[in-house]
C-alpha atoms as a PDB file:
ATOM      1  CA  MET A   1     -15.428   6.228  -3.129  1.00  0.00           C
ATOM      2  CA  ARG A   2     -14.066   5.786  -6.663  1.00  0.00           C
ATOM      3  CA  THR A   3     -12.630   8.836  -8.397  1.00  0.00           C
ATOM      4  CA  ILE A   4     -12.911   9.662 -12.076  1.00  0.00           C
ATOM      5  CA  THR A   5     -10.265  12.012 -13.430  1.00  0.00           C
ATOM      6  CA  ILE A   6     -11.572  14.274 -16.174  1.00  0.00           C
ATOM      7  CA  PHE A   7      -9.213  16.074 -18.554  1.00  0.00           C
ATOM      8  CA  GLY A   8     -10.458  18.904 -20.768  1.00  0.00           C
ATOM      9  CA  SER A   9     -10.136  22.416 -22.127  1.00  0.00           C
ATOM     10  CA  SER A  10     -10.133  25.536 -19.979  1.00  0.00           C
ATOM     11  CA  LEU A  11     -11.753  27.588 -22.766  1.00  0.00           C
ATOM     12  CA  PRO A  12     -15.455  26.638 -23.214  1.00  0.00           C
ATOM     13  CA  ALA A  13     -17.887  29.046 -21.589  1.00  0.00           C
ATOM     14  CA  ALA A  14     -21.093  28.256 -19.716  1.00  0.00           C
ATOM     15  CA  GLY A  15     -23.890  27.593 -22.156  1.00  0.00           C
ATOM     16  CA  SER A  16     -21.688  26.122 -24.899  1.00  0.00           C
ATOM     17  CA  ALA A  17     -22.428  22.536 -25.952  1.00  0.00           C
ATOM     18  CA  ALA A  18     -19.059  21.271 -24.664  1.00  0.00           C
ATOM     19  CA  TYR A  19     -19.555  22.997 -21.290  1.00  0.00           C
ATOM     20  CA  GLU A  20     -23.067  21.624 -20.855  1.00  0.00           C
ATOM     21  CA  ASP A  21     -21.940  18.078 -21.778  1.00  0.00           C
ATOM     22  CA  ALA A  22     -19.149  18.281 -19.181  1.00  0.00           C
ATOM     23  CA  ARG A  23     -21.583  19.623 -16.597  1.00  0.00           C
ATOM     24  CA  ARG A  24     -24.002  16.765 -17.324  1.00  0.00           C
ATOM     25  CA  LEU A  25     -21.145  14.255 -17.048  1.00  0.00           C
ATOM     26  CA  GLY A  26     -20.123  15.644 -13.653  1.00  0.00           C
ATOM     27  CA  ARG A  27     -23.714  15.473 -12.413  1.00  0.00           C
ATOM     28  CA  MET A  28     -24.215  11.915 -13.679  1.00  0.00           C
ATOM     29  CA  LEU A  29     -20.973  10.746 -12.058  1.00  0.00           C
ATOM     30  CA  ALA A  30     -21.901  12.317  -8.712  1.00  0.00           C
ATOM     31  CA  GLU A  31     -25.377  10.763  -8.859  1.00  0.00           C
ATOM     32  CA  ARG A  32     -23.637   7.388  -9.116  1.00  0.00           C
ATOM     33  CA  ARG A  33     -21.413   8.196  -6.127  1.00  0.00           C
ATOM     34  CA  PHE A  34     -18.195   8.808  -8.043  1.00  0.00           C
ATOM     35  CA  ALA A  35     -15.941  11.656  -6.970  1.00  0.00           C
ATOM     36  CA  ILE A  36     -14.489  13.695  -9.787  1.00  0.00           C
ATOM     37  CA  CYS A  37     -10.976  15.033 -10.098  1.00  0.00           C
ATOM     38  CA  ASN A  38      -9.791  17.551 -12.656  1.00  0.00           C
ATOM     39  CA  GLY A  39      -7.339  20.409 -13.130  1.00  0.00           C
ATOM     40  CA  GLY A  40      -9.470  22.725 -11.008  1.00  0.00           C
ATOM     41  CA  TYR A  41      -9.645  25.740 -13.306  1.00  0.00           C
ATOM     42  CA  GLY A  42     -12.222  27.022 -15.824  1.00  0.00           C
ATOM     43  CA  GLY A  43     -13.940  25.708 -18.912  1.00  0.00           C
ATOM     44  CA  LEU A  44     -14.675  21.994 -18.915  1.00  0.00           C
ATOM     45  CA  MET A  45     -12.938  21.569 -15.552  1.00  0.00           C
ATOM     46  CA  ALA A  46     -15.355  24.059 -13.972  1.00  0.00           C
ATOM     47  CA  ALA A  47     -18.286  22.525 -15.841  1.00  0.00           C
ATOM     48  CA  SER A  48     -17.677  18.964 -14.633  1.00  0.00           C
ATOM     49  CA  ALA A  49     -17.041  20.148 -11.071  1.00  0.00           C
ATOM     50  CA  ARG A  50     -20.151  22.311 -11.168  1.00  0.00           C
ATOM     51  CA  GLY A  51     -22.326  19.420 -12.324  1.00  0.00           C
ATOM     52  CA  ALA A  52     -20.900  17.172  -9.624  1.00  0.00           C
ATOM     53  CA  ARG A  53     -21.436  19.759  -6.873  1.00  0.00           C
ATOM     54  CA  GLU A  54     -24.991  20.458  -8.028  1.00  0.00           C
ATOM     55  CA  ALA A  55     -25.652  16.756  -7.457  1.00  0.00           C
ATOM     56  CA  GLY A  56     -23.944  16.795  -4.043  1.00  0.00           C
ATOM     57  CA  GLY A  57     -20.735  15.107  -5.232  1.00  0.00           C
ATOM     58  CA  HIS A  58     -17.145  15.473  -4.093  1.00  0.00           C
ATOM     59  CA  THR A  59     -14.728  17.374  -6.336  1.00  0.00           C
ATOM     60  CA  ILE A  60     -10.944  17.488  -6.314  1.00  0.00           C
ATOM     61  CA  GLY A  61      -8.962  20.089  -8.246  1.00  0.00           C
ATOM     62  CA  VAL A  62      -5.260  19.561  -8.862  1.00  0.00           C
ATOM     63  CA  THR A  63      -3.971  23.070  -9.525  1.00  0.00           C
ATOM     64  CA  CYS A  64      -0.467  24.316 -10.201  1.00  0.00           C
ATOM     65  CA  ALA A  65       1.685  26.989  -8.560  1.00  0.00           C
ATOM     66  CA  ILE A  66       2.954  28.217 -11.956  1.00  0.00           C
ATOM     67  CA  TRP A  67      -0.503  29.707 -12.635  1.00  0.00           C
ATOM     68  CA  PRO A  68      -1.756  32.320 -10.156  1.00  0.00           C
ATOM     69  CA  ALA A  69      -5.443  31.584 -10.795  1.00  0.00           C
ATOM     70  CA  ALA A  70      -7.522  30.185  -7.949  1.00  0.00           C
ATOM     71  CA  ALA A  71      -9.449  26.953  -8.221  1.00  0.00           C
ATOM     72  CA  ASN A  72     -12.969  27.298  -9.567  1.00  0.00           C
ATOM     73  CA  PRO A  73     -15.739  27.718  -6.956  1.00  0.00           C
ATOM     74  CA  TRP A  74     -17.018  24.148  -7.401  1.00  0.00           C
ATOM     75  CA  ILE A  75     -13.817  22.523  -6.155  1.00  0.00           C
ATOM     76  CA  VAL A  76     -14.165  21.136  -2.628  1.00  0.00           C
ATOM     77  CA  GLU A  77     -10.630  19.799  -2.207  1.00  0.00           C
ATOM     78  CA  GLU A  78      -7.751  21.660  -3.843  1.00  0.00           C
ATOM     79  CA  VAL A  79      -4.395  19.917  -4.236  1.00  0.00           C
ATOM     80  CA  ARG A  80      -1.683  22.409  -5.173  1.00  0.00           C
ATOM     81  CA  SER A  81       1.252  21.087  -7.201  1.00  0.00           C
ATOM     82  CA  ALA A  82       4.550  22.835  -7.871  1.00  0.00           C
ATOM     83  CA  THR A  83       5.029  21.923 -11.546  1.00  0.00           C
ATOM     84  CA  PHE A  84       2.968  21.038 -14.597  1.00  0.00           C
ATOM     85  CA  LEU A  85       4.341  17.489 -14.657  1.00  0.00           C
ATOM     86  CA  GLU A  86       3.584  17.059 -10.937  1.00  0.00           C
ATOM     87  CA  ARG A  87       0.047  18.290 -11.648  1.00  0.00           C
ATOM     88  CA  ILE A  88      -0.519  15.742 -14.430  1.00  0.00           C
ATOM     89  CA  THR A  89       0.937  12.974 -12.286  1.00  0.00           C
ATOM     90  CA  GLY A  90      -1.347  13.983  -9.411  1.00  0.00           C
ATOM     91  CA  LEU A  91      -4.384  13.858 -11.700  1.00  0.00           C
ATOM     92  CA  ILE A  92      -3.391  10.410 -12.959  1.00  0.00           C
ATOM     93  CA  GLU A  93      -2.643   9.009  -9.493  1.00  0.00           C
ATOM     94  CA  ARG A  94      -6.055  10.026  -8.161  1.00  0.00           C
ATOM     95  CA  GLY A  95      -8.061   8.451 -10.976  1.00  0.00           C
ATOM     96  CA  ASP A  96      -9.705   5.049 -10.939  1.00  0.00           C
ATOM     97  CA  ALA A  97     -10.680   5.840 -14.540  1.00  0.00           C
ATOM     98  CA  TYR A  98     -10.034   8.684 -16.979  1.00  0.00           C
ATOM     99  CA  VAL A  99     -12.281  10.667 -19.302  1.00  0.00           C
ATOM    100  CA  VAL A 100     -10.680  12.925 -21.896  1.00  0.00           C
ATOM    101  CA  LEU A 101     -13.016  15.690 -23.051  1.00  0.00           C
ATOM    102  CA  PRO A 102     -12.195  18.059 -25.925  1.00  0.00           C
ATOM    103  CA  GLY A 103      -9.105  20.148 -25.271  1.00  0.00           C
ATOM    104  CA  GLY A 104      -5.859  21.580 -26.536  1.00  0.00           C
ATOM    105  CA  THR A 105      -2.197  20.814 -26.027  1.00  0.00           C
ATOM    106  CA  GLY A 106      -2.487  20.502 -22.238  1.00  0.00           C
ATOM    107  CA  THR A 107      -5.283  17.959 -22.575  1.00  0.00           C
ATOM    108  CA  LEU A 108      -3.294  16.159 -25.275  1.00  0.00           C
ATOM    109  CA  ALA A 109      -0.301  15.983 -22.898  1.00  0.00           C
ATOM    110  CA  GLU A 110      -2.545  14.509 -20.186  1.00  0.00           C
ATOM    111  CA  LEU A 111      -3.980  11.932 -22.586  1.00  0.00           C
ATOM    112  CA  ALA A 112      -0.530  11.030 -23.895  1.00  0.00           C
ATOM    113  CA  LEU A 113       0.989  10.572 -20.448  1.00  0.00           C
ATOM    114  CA  VAL A 114      -1.778   8.426 -18.957  1.00  0.00           C
ATOM    115  CA  TRP A 115      -1.938   6.333 -22.154  1.00  0.00           C
ATOM    116  CA  GLU A 116       1.840   5.850 -22.252  1.00  0.00           C
ATOM    117  CA  MET A 117       1.991   4.969 -18.551  1.00  0.00           C
ATOM    118  CA  MET A 118      -0.540   2.201 -19.195  1.00  0.00           C
ATOM    119  CA  ASN A 119       1.210   1.118 -22.390  1.00  0.00           C
ATOM    120  CA  LYS A 120       4.585   0.760 -20.696  1.00  0.00           C
ATOM    121  CA  SER A 121       3.016  -0.736 -17.542  1.00  0.00           C
ATOM    122  CA  SER A 122       4.389   2.017 -15.330  1.00  0.00           C
ATOM    123  CA  LEU A 123       0.817   2.756 -14.259  1.00  0.00           C
ATOM    124  CA  ALA A 124       0.407  -0.881 -13.265  1.00  0.00           C
ATOM    125  CA  ARG A 125       3.606  -0.761 -11.219  1.00  0.00           C
ATOM    126  CA  SER A 126       2.853   2.547  -9.518  1.00  0.00           C
ATOM    127  CA  LEU A 127      -0.919   2.338  -9.127  1.00  0.00           C
ATOM    128  CA  GLY A 128      -1.790  -1.333  -9.261  1.00  0.00           C
ATOM    129  CA  GLY A 129      -3.104  -1.830 -12.756  1.00  0.00           C
ATOM    130  CA  ARG A 130      -4.503  -0.541 -15.993  1.00  0.00           C
ATOM    131  CA  ARG A 131      -7.540   1.696 -15.708  1.00  0.00           C
ATOM    132  CA  PRO A 132     -10.388   2.602 -18.037  1.00  0.00           C
ATOM    133  CA  LEU A 133      -9.427   5.398 -20.430  1.00  0.00           C
ATOM    134  CA  MET A 134     -12.198   6.987 -22.485  1.00  0.00           C
ATOM    135  CA  VAL A 135     -11.860   9.757 -25.044  1.00  0.00           C
ATOM    136  CA  MET A 136     -14.623  11.807 -26.595  1.00  0.00           C
ATOM    137  CA  ALA A 137     -15.197  10.937 -30.225  1.00  0.00           C
ATOM    138  CA  PRO A 138     -15.229  12.272 -32.815  1.00  0.00           C
ATOM    139  CA  TYR A 139     -12.976  14.958 -31.249  1.00  0.00           C
ATOM    140  CA  TRP A 140     -10.018  12.666 -30.401  1.00  0.00           C
ATOM    141  CA  GLN A 141     -10.594  10.176 -33.243  1.00  0.00           C
ATOM    142  CA  PRO A 142      -7.933  11.769 -35.509  1.00  0.00           C
ATOM    143  CA  VAL A 143      -5.331  11.269 -32.761  1.00  0.00           C
ATOM    144  CA  ILE A 144      -6.312   7.616 -32.406  1.00  0.00           C
ATOM    145  CA  ASP A 145      -6.253   7.150 -36.186  1.00  0.00           C
ATOM    146  CA  CYS A 146      -2.841   8.791 -36.425  1.00  0.00           C
ATOM    147  CA  LEU A 147      -1.352   6.514 -33.768  1.00  0.00           C
ATOM    148  CA  ARG A 148      -2.988   3.439 -35.288  1.00  0.00           C
ATOM    149  CA  GLN A 149      -0.654   3.956 -38.249  1.00  0.00           C
ATOM    150  CA  GLU A 150       2.253   2.704 -36.137  1.00  0.00           C
ATOM    151  CA  ALA A 151       1.143  -0.863 -36.844  1.00  0.00           C
ATOM    152  CA  GLU A 152       1.577  -0.157 -40.539  1.00  0.00           C
ATOM    153  CA  LEU A 153       5.236   0.785 -40.109  1.00  0.00           C
ATOM    154  CA  GLY A 154       6.116  -2.890 -39.933  1.00  0.00           C
ATOM    155  CA  VAL A 155       9.203  -4.525 -38.565  1.00  0.00           C
ATOM    156  CA  ASN A 156      11.063  -6.857 -40.926  1.00  0.00           C
ATOM    157  CA  ASP A 157       8.235  -6.391 -43.441  1.00  0.00           C
ATOM    158  CA  GLU A 158       5.635  -7.562 -40.929  1.00  0.00           C
ATOM    159  CA  THR A 159       2.693  -5.613 -39.636  1.00  0.00           C
ATOM    160  CA  ARG A 160       2.651  -5.656 -35.864  1.00  0.00           C
ATOM    161  CA  ASP A 161      -0.264  -5.341 -33.518  1.00  0.00           C
ATOM    162  CA  THR A 162      -0.092  -2.284 -31.270  1.00  0.00           C
ATOM    163  CA  PRO A 163      -1.533  -3.208 -27.866  1.00  0.00           C
ATOM    164  CA  ALA A 164      -1.749   0.462 -26.897  1.00  0.00           C
ATOM    165  CA  MET A 165      -4.709   0.920 -29.231  1.00  0.00           C
ATOM    166  CA  GLY A 166      -6.816  -1.441 -27.134  1.00  0.00           C
ATOM    167  CA  MET A 167      -6.327   0.712 -24.042  1.00  0.00           C
ATOM    168  CA  VAL A 168      -8.473   3.603 -25.255  1.00  0.00           C
ATOM    169  CA  THR A 169     -12.241   3.556 -25.675  1.00  0.00           C
ATOM    170  CA  PRO A 170     -13.880   6.236 -27.819  1.00  0.00           C
ATOM    171  CA  VAL A 171     -17.237   7.429 -26.441  1.00  0.00           C
ATOM    172  CA  GLU A 172     -19.619   9.974 -27.891  1.00  0.00           C
ATOM    173  CA  ARG A 173     -21.819  11.140 -25.010  1.00  0.00           C
ATOM    174  CA  PRO A 174     -21.707  11.428 -21.216  1.00  0.00           C
ATOM    175  CA  GLU A 175     -24.219   8.552 -21.098  1.00  0.00           C
ATOM    176  CA  ASP A 176     -21.668   6.329 -22.879  1.00  0.00           C
ATOM    177  CA  VAL A 177     -19.092   7.157 -20.203  1.00  0.00           C
ATOM    178  CA  ILE A 178     -21.550   6.205 -17.462  1.00  0.00           C
ATOM    179  CA  ALA A 179     -22.511   2.923 -19.149  1.00  0.00           C
ATOM    180  CA  ARG A 180     -18.847   1.971 -19.551  1.00  0.00           C
ATOM    181  CA  LEU A 181     -17.963   2.875 -15.964  1.00  0.00           C
ATOM    182  CA  GLU A 182     -20.951   1.016 -14.543  1.00  0.00           C
ATOM    183  CA  SER A 183     -19.821  -2.104 -16.378  1.00  0.00           C
ATOM    184  CA  LEU A 184     -16.243  -1.785 -15.100  1.00  0.00           C
ATOM    185  CA  LEU A 185     -16.312  -0.031 -11.714  1.00  0.00           C
ATOM    186  CA  ALA A 186     -18.577  -0.107  -8.705  1.00  0.00           C
ATOM    187  CA  PRO A 187     -18.556   3.238  -6.854  1.00  0.00           C
END
């Protein structure tokens, strides 16, 4: 079974638009026989796990010993890590693809690390290749636009292509995630 790692905020409450989108994404992934993996706590992590469980899917939560909170009730398999960096690495290692939902600095750190591991080919060396990486637009579009400016820095008065920019796919809805995954991965 293929696993999709979902990164996202711990803040949105049930009933909010972001929560319901994450819940729908989890359900749609489970209906297509994908397992989902996330940080295991509240907000969008709980929402995606809840949606997956409501559709009979498998959920993995990678939690961290530095926070005393228990995994949310929709996590079937909890993996406890000792440190924040070990937690992010565990989330990355389990994913066959990654979806970055709206979030804060923790979600930004997760996006940055998985993106950089692909950019520097360390993901290819450790996990066997580059993997689909999707970010919710327009939420993450300013980050992408900011990083796109690197090409404009120029080296020896030349503008250089930045291959890292081709590693991220902006998507707007859970249905876009599903369409992209179905074209790239078979569960």
